[in-house]
Amino acid sequence: MSIPAKNQTAAGEPRERPVGEETILKVTKEIVIKFIEVGRLSPANFTETFNEIHRTVRDAVRP
């Protein structure tokens, strides 16, 4: 019987690492910055859009 590598399950599949809140915020920030750069986000709707993007990123990485 072989021992699985550190980042693999016993079946040899990659092990998922939990994504922290700091990483989620960084990804959200990068998306928001891109939206500002391309003119799709204005200060008037920043809060609402930031919250929606944050929720979407969080839901995507956490089951």
PDB file of N, CA and C in Angstrom:
ATOM      1  N   MET A   1       0.853  -1.184   0.000  1.00  0.00           N
ATOM      2  CA  MET A   1       0.000   0.000   0.000  1.00  0.00           C
ATOM      3  C   MET A   1       0.891   1.236   0.000  1.00  0.00           C
ATOM      4  N   SER A   2       0.628   2.121  -0.942  1.00  0.00           N
ATOM      5  CA  SER A   2       1.440   3.332  -1.020  1.00  0.00           C
ATOM      6  C   SER A   2       0.786   4.466  -0.241  1.00  0.00           C
ATOM      7  N   ILE A   3       1.591   5.367   0.212  1.00  0.00           N
ATOM      8  CA  ILE A   3       1.105   6.529   0.965  1.00  0.00           C
ATOM      9  C   ILE A   3       0.858   7.662  -0.023  1.00  0.00           C
ATOM     10  N   PRO A   4      -0.349   8.293   0.015  1.00  0.00           N
ATOM     11  CA  PRO A   4      -0.619   9.382  -0.933  1.00  0.00           C
ATOM     12  C   PRO A   4       0.270  10.596  -0.656  1.00  0.00           C
ATOM     13  N   ALA A   5       0.560  11.333  -1.704  1.00  0.00           N
ATOM     14  CA  ALA A   5       1.330  12.573  -1.547  1.00  0.00           C
ATOM     15  C   ALA A   5       0.565  13.532  -0.648  1.00  0.00           C
ATOM     16  N   LYS A   6       1.258  14.549  -0.127  1.00  0.00           N
ATOM     17  CA  LYS A   6       0.640  15.491   0.805  1.00  0.00           C
ATOM     18  C   LYS A   6      -0.621  16.148   0.256  1.00  0.00           C
ATOM     19  N   ASN A   7      -0.624  16.497  -1.010  1.00  0.00           N
ATOM     20  CA  ASN A   7      -1.767  17.211  -1.557  1.00  0.00           C
ATOM     21  C   ASN A   7      -2.633  16.312  -2.445  1.00  0.00           C
ATOM     22  N   GLN A   8      -2.715  15.022  -2.080  1.00  0.00           N
ATOM     23  CA  GLN A   8      -3.586  14.092  -2.770  1.00  0.00           C
ATOM     24  C   GLN A   8      -4.369  13.274  -1.751  1.00  0.00           C
ATOM     25  N   THR A   9      -5.569  12.842  -2.165  1.00  0.00           N
ATOM     26  CA  THR A   9      -6.362  11.957  -1.327  1.00  0.00           C
ATOM     27  C   THR A   9      -5.833  10.538  -1.476  1.00  0.00           C
ATOM     28  N   ALA A  10      -6.358   9.601  -0.698  1.00  0.00           N
ATOM     29  CA  ALA A  10      -5.934   8.210  -0.790  1.00  0.00           C
ATOM     30  C   ALA A  10      -6.193   7.645  -2.187  1.00  0.00           C
ATOM     31  N   ALA A  11      -7.197   8.169  -2.892  1.00  0.00           N
ATOM     32  CA  ALA A  11      -7.509   7.705  -4.240  1.00  0.00           C
ATOM     33  C   ALA A  11      -6.626   8.377  -5.292  1.00  0.00           C
ATOM     34  N   GLY A  12      -5.719   9.252  -4.874  1.00  0.00           N
ATOM     35  CA  GLY A  12      -4.824   9.911  -5.804  1.00  0.00           C
ATOM     36  C   GLY A  12      -5.384  11.182  -6.415  1.00  0.00           C
ATOM     37  N   GLU A  13      -6.565  11.608  -5.956  1.00  0.00           N
ATOM     38  CA  GLU A  13      -7.182  12.827  -6.476  1.00  0.00           C
ATOM     39  C   GLU A  13      -6.595  14.037  -5.754  1.00  0.00           C
ATOM     40  N   PRO A  14      -6.527  15.174  -6.421  1.00  0.00           N
ATOM     41  CA  PRO A  14      -6.007  16.375  -5.749  1.00  0.00           C
ATOM     42  C   PRO A  14      -6.885  16.749  -4.552  1.00  0.00           C
ATOM     43  N   ARG A  15      -6.252  17.124  -3.475  1.00  0.00           N
ATOM     44  CA  ARG A  15      -6.969  17.545  -2.275  1.00  0.00           C
ATOM     45  C   ARG A  15      -7.289  19.022  -2.377  1.00  0.00           C
ATOM     46  N   GLU A  16      -8.520  19.399  -2.074  1.00  0.00           N
ATOM     47  CA  GLU A  16      -8.916  20.803  -2.129  1.00  0.00           C
ATOM     48  C   GLU A  16      -8.529  21.499  -0.835  1.00  0.00           C
ATOM     49  N   ARG A  17      -7.955  22.691  -0.983  1.00  0.00           N
ATOM     50  CA  ARG A  17      -7.618  23.500   0.183  1.00  0.00           C
ATOM     51  C   ARG A  17      -8.714  24.525   0.379  1.00  0.00           C
ATOM     52  N   PRO A  18      -9.065  24.803   1.615  1.00  0.00           N
ATOM     53  CA  PRO A  18     -10.085  25.821   1.844  1.00  0.00           C
ATOM     54  C   PRO A  18      -9.590  27.200   1.412  1.00  0.00           C
ATOM     55  N   VAL A  19     -10.497  27.986   0.889  1.00  0.00           N
ATOM     56  CA  VAL A  19     -10.160  29.338   0.454  1.00  0.00           C
ATOM     57  C   VAL A  19     -10.528  30.300   1.575  1.00  0.00           C
ATOM     58  N   GLY A  20      -9.576  31.101   2.009  1.00  0.00           N
ATOM     59  CA  GLY A  20      -9.803  32.023   3.105  1.00  0.00           C
ATOM     60  C   GLY A  20     -10.492  33.302   2.671  1.00  0.00           C
ATOM     61  N   GLU A  21     -11.022  34.001   3.636  1.00  0.00           N
ATOM     62  CA  GLU A  21     -11.729  35.261   3.369  1.00  0.00           C
ATOM     63  C   GLU A  21     -10.799  36.298   2.743  1.00  0.00           C
ATOM     64  N   GLU A  22      -9.545  36.303   3.144  1.00  0.00           N
ATOM     65  CA  GLU A  22      -8.591  37.265   2.571  1.00  0.00           C
ATOM     66  C   GLU A  22      -8.420  37.034   1.065  1.00  0.00           C
ATOM     67  N   THR A  23      -8.338  35.787   0.659  1.00  0.00           N
ATOM     68  CA  THR A  23      -8.211  35.463  -0.763  1.00  0.00           C
ATOM     69  C   THR A  23      -9.460  35.866  -1.524  1.00  0.00           C
ATOM     70  N   ILE A  24     -10.618  35.621  -0.944  1.00  0.00           N
ATOM     71  CA  ILE A  24     -11.879  35.999  -1.579  1.00  0.00           C
ATOM     72  C   ILE A  24     -11.939  37.512  -1.769  1.00  0.00           C
ATOM     73  N   LEU A  25     -11.522  38.260  -0.754  1.00  0.00           N
ATOM     74  CA  LEU A  25     -11.511  39.722  -0.866  1.00  0.00           C
ATOM     75  C   LEU A  25     -10.531  40.205  -1.935  1.00  0.00           C
ATOM     76  N   LYS A  26      -9.362  39.560  -2.033  1.00  0.00           N
ATOM     77  CA  LYS A  26      -8.379  39.950  -3.051  1.00  0.00           C
ATOM     78  C   LYS A  26      -8.921  39.721  -4.455  1.00  0.00           C
ATOM     79  N   VAL A  27      -9.560  38.574  -4.669  1.00  0.00           N
ATOM     80  CA  VAL A  27     -10.133  38.277  -5.981  1.00  0.00           C
ATOM     81  C   VAL A  27     -11.243  39.273  -6.301  1.00  0.00           C
ATOM     82  N   THR A  28     -12.099  39.557  -5.316  1.00  0.00           N
ATOM     83  CA  THR A  28     -13.181  40.524  -5.506  1.00  0.00           C
ATOM     84  C   THR A  28     -12.613  41.885  -5.878  1.00  0.00           C
ATOM     85  N   LYS A  29     -11.563  42.299  -5.188  1.00  0.00           N
ATOM     86  CA  LYS A  29     -10.933  43.591  -5.460  1.00  0.00           C
ATOM     87  C   LYS A  29     -10.409  43.654  -6.884  1.00  0.00           C
ATOM     88  N   GLU A  30      -9.755  42.604  -7.339  1.00  0.00           N
ATOM     89  CA  GLU A  30      -9.215  42.578  -8.698  1.00  0.00           C
ATOM     90  C   GLU A  30     -10.322  42.670  -9.742  1.00  0.00           C
ATOM     91  N   ILE A  31     -11.424  41.989  -9.510  1.00  0.00           N
ATOM     92  CA  ILE A  31     -12.550  42.054 -10.445  1.00  0.00           C
ATOM     93  C   ILE A  31     -13.133  43.458 -10.468  1.00  0.00           C
ATOM     94  N   VAL A  32     -13.320  44.056  -9.292  1.00  0.00           N
ATOM     95  CA  VAL A  32     -13.868  45.407  -9.200  1.00  0.00           C
ATOM     96  C   VAL A  32     -12.952  46.409  -9.904  1.00  0.00           C
ATOM     97  N   ILE A  33     -11.652  46.270  -9.709  1.00  0.00           N
ATOM     98  CA  ILE A  33     -10.695  47.170 -10.376  1.00  0.00           C
ATOM     99  C   ILE A  33     -10.827  47.058 -11.889  1.00  0.00           C
ATOM    100  N   LYS A  34     -10.943  45.832 -12.397  1.00  0.00           N
ATOM    101  CA  LYS A  34     -11.123  45.656 -13.846  1.00  0.00           C
ATOM    102  C   LYS A  34     -12.410  46.324 -14.315  1.00  0.00           C
ATOM    103  N   PHE A  35     -13.487  46.161 -13.569  1.00  0.00           N
ATOM    104  CA  PHE A  35     -14.757  46.787 -13.949  1.00  0.00           C
ATOM    105  C   PHE A  35     -14.631  48.304 -13.977  1.00  0.00           C
ATOM    106  N   ILE A  36     -13.898  48.877 -13.038  1.00  0.00           N
ATOM    107  CA  ILE A  36     -13.683  50.327 -13.018  1.00  0.00           C
ATOM    108  C   ILE A  36     -12.848  50.739 -14.233  1.00  0.00           C
ATOM    109  N   GLU A  37     -11.796  49.973 -14.525  1.00  0.00           N
ATOM    110  CA  GLU A  37     -10.910  50.298 -15.654  1.00  0.00           C
ATOM    111  C   GLU A  37     -11.640  50.291 -16.994  1.00  0.00           C
ATOM    112  N   VAL A  38     -12.573  49.379 -17.171  1.00  0.00           N
ATOM    113  CA  VAL A  38     -13.283  49.292 -18.454  1.00  0.00           C
ATOM    114  C   VAL A  38     -14.569  50.104 -18.463  1.00  0.00           C
ATOM    115  N   GLY A  39     -14.840  50.822 -17.377  1.00  0.00           N
ATOM    116  CA  GLY A  39     -15.987  51.715 -17.329  1.00  0.00           C
ATOM    117  C   GLY A  39     -17.322  51.065 -17.033  1.00  0.00           C
ATOM    118  N   ARG A  40     -17.305  49.858 -16.508  1.00  0.00           N
ATOM    119  CA  ARG A  40     -18.564  49.167 -16.200  1.00  0.00           C
ATOM    120  C   ARG A  40     -19.023  49.393 -14.759  1.00  0.00           C
ATOM    121  N   LEU A  41     -18.231  50.102 -13.974  1.00  0.00           N
ATOM    122  CA  LEU A  41     -18.578  50.351 -12.580  1.00  0.00           C
ATOM    123  C   LEU A  41     -18.322  51.817 -12.259  1.00  0.00           C
ATOM    124  N   SER A  42     -19.322  52.447 -11.648  1.00  0.00           N
ATOM    125  CA  SER A  42     -19.178  53.850 -11.259  1.00  0.00           C
ATOM    126  C   SER A  42     -19.326  53.964  -9.740  1.00  0.00           C
ATOM    127  N   PRO A  43     -18.893  55.087  -9.169  1.00  0.00           N
ATOM    128  CA  PRO A  43     -19.032  55.266  -7.720  1.00  0.00           C
ATOM    129  C   PRO A  43     -20.485  55.171  -7.234  1.00  0.00           C
ATOM    130  N   ALA A  44     -21.415  55.501  -8.098  1.00  0.00           N
ATOM    131  CA  ALA A  44     -22.828  55.488  -7.702  1.00  0.00           C
ATOM    132  C   ALA A  44     -23.319  54.090  -7.342  1.00  0.00           C
ATOM    133  N   ASN A  45     -22.794  53.073  -8.019  1.00  0.00           N
ATOM    134  CA  ASN A  45     -23.270  51.717  -7.732  1.00  0.00           C
ATOM    135  C   ASN A  45     -22.158  50.812  -7.204  1.00  0.00           C
ATOM    136  N   PHE A  46     -21.101  51.407  -6.664  1.00  0.00           N
ATOM    137  CA  PHE A  46     -19.953  50.645  -6.181  1.00  0.00           C
ATOM    138  C   PHE A  46     -20.334  49.652  -5.090  1.00  0.00           C
ATOM    139  N   THR A  47     -21.016  50.107  -4.053  1.00  0.00           N
ATOM    140  CA  THR A  47     -21.317  49.250  -2.906  1.00  0.00           C
ATOM    141  C   THR A  47     -22.137  48.033  -3.312  1.00  0.00           C
ATOM    142  N   GLU A  48     -23.180  48.281  -4.052  1.00  0.00           N
ATOM    143  CA  GLU A  48     -24.045  47.180  -4.485  1.00  0.00           C
ATOM    144  C   GLU A  48     -23.273  46.180  -5.351  1.00  0.00           C
ATOM    145  N   THR A  49     -22.505  46.693  -6.295  1.00  0.00           N
ATOM    146  CA  THR A  49     -21.756  45.825  -7.203  1.00  0.00           C
ATOM    147  C   THR A  49     -20.670  45.062  -6.450  1.00  0.00           C
ATOM    148  N   PHE A  50     -19.945  45.735  -5.556  1.00  0.00           N
ATOM    149  CA  PHE A  50     -18.902  45.058  -4.778  1.00  0.00           C
ATOM    150  C   PHE A  50     -19.507  43.909  -3.990  1.00  0.00           C
ATOM    151  N   ASN A  51     -20.631  44.157  -3.332  1.00  0.00           N
ATOM    152  CA  ASN A  51     -21.275  43.107  -2.535  1.00  0.00           C
ATOM    153  C   ASN A  51     -21.726  41.935  -3.397  1.00  0.00           C
ATOM    154  N   GLU A  52     -22.252  42.219  -4.562  1.00  0.00           N
ATOM    155  CA  GLU A  52     -22.692  41.144  -5.468  1.00  0.00           C
ATOM    156  C   GLU A  52     -21.504  40.317  -5.955  1.00  0.00           C
ATOM    157  N   ILE A  53     -20.414  40.988  -6.325  1.00  0.00           N
ATOM    158  CA  ILE A  53     -19.231  40.275  -6.788  1.00  0.00           C
ATOM    159  C   ILE A  53     -18.651  39.434  -5.656  1.00  0.00           C
ATOM    160  N   HIS A  54     -18.557  40.006  -4.467  1.00  0.00           N
ATOM    161  CA  HIS A  54     -18.015  39.281  -3.310  1.00  0.00           C
ATOM    162  C   HIS A  54     -18.845  38.037  -3.028  1.00  0.00           C
ATOM    163  N   ARG A  55     -20.147  38.172  -3.039  1.00  0.00           N
ATOM    164  CA  ARG A  55     -21.046  37.038  -2.789  1.00  0.00           C
ATOM    165  C   ARG A  55     -20.857  35.957  -3.860  1.00  0.00           C
ATOM    166  N   THR A  56     -20.740  36.374  -5.101  1.00  0.00           N
ATOM    167  CA  THR A  56     -20.569  35.430  -6.197  1.00  0.00           C
ATOM    168  C   THR A  56     -19.252  34.673  -6.082  1.00  0.00           C
ATOM    169  N   VAL A  57     -18.166  35.382  -5.785  1.00  0.00           N
ATOM    170  CA  VAL A  57     -16.860  34.736  -5.629  1.00  0.00           C
ATOM    171  C   VAL A  57     -16.899  33.775  -4.450  1.00  0.00           C
ATOM    172  N   ARG A  58     -17.448  34.208  -3.328  1.00  0.00           N
ATOM    173  CA  ARG A  58     -17.532  33.360  -2.130  1.00  0.00           C
ATOM    174  C   ARG A  58     -18.330  32.086  -2.421  1.00  0.00           C
ATOM    175  N   ASP A  59     -19.471  32.251  -3.094  1.00  0.00           N
ATOM    176  CA  ASP A  59     -20.314  31.087  -3.412  1.00  0.00           C
ATOM    177  C   ASP A  59     -19.621  30.139  -4.386  1.00  0.00           C
ATOM    178  N   ALA A  60     -18.785  30.690  -5.255  1.00  0.00           N
ATOM    179  CA  ALA A  60     -18.094  29.867  -6.250  1.00  0.00           C
ATOM    180  C   ALA A  60     -17.004  28.981  -5.628  1.00  0.00           C
ATOM    181  N   VAL A  61     -16.384  29.466  -4.559  1.00  0.00           N
ATOM    182  CA  VAL A  61     -15.275  28.711  -3.974  1.00  0.00           C
ATOM    183  C   VAL A  61     -15.654  27.935  -2.721  1.00  0.00           C
ATOM    184  N   ARG A  62     -16.806  28.209  -2.192  1.00  0.00           N
ATOM    185  CA  ARG A  62     -17.256  27.486  -0.994  1.00  0.00           C
ATOM    186  C   ARG A  62     -18.586  26.795  -1.286  1.00  0.00           C
ATOM    187  N   PRO A  63     -18.564  25.468  -1.194  1.00  0.00           N
ATOM    188  CA  PRO A  63     -19.807  24.720  -1.505  1.00  0.00           C
ATOM    189  C   PRO A  63     -20.905  24.959  -0.510  1.00  0.00           C
TER     190      PRO A  63
END
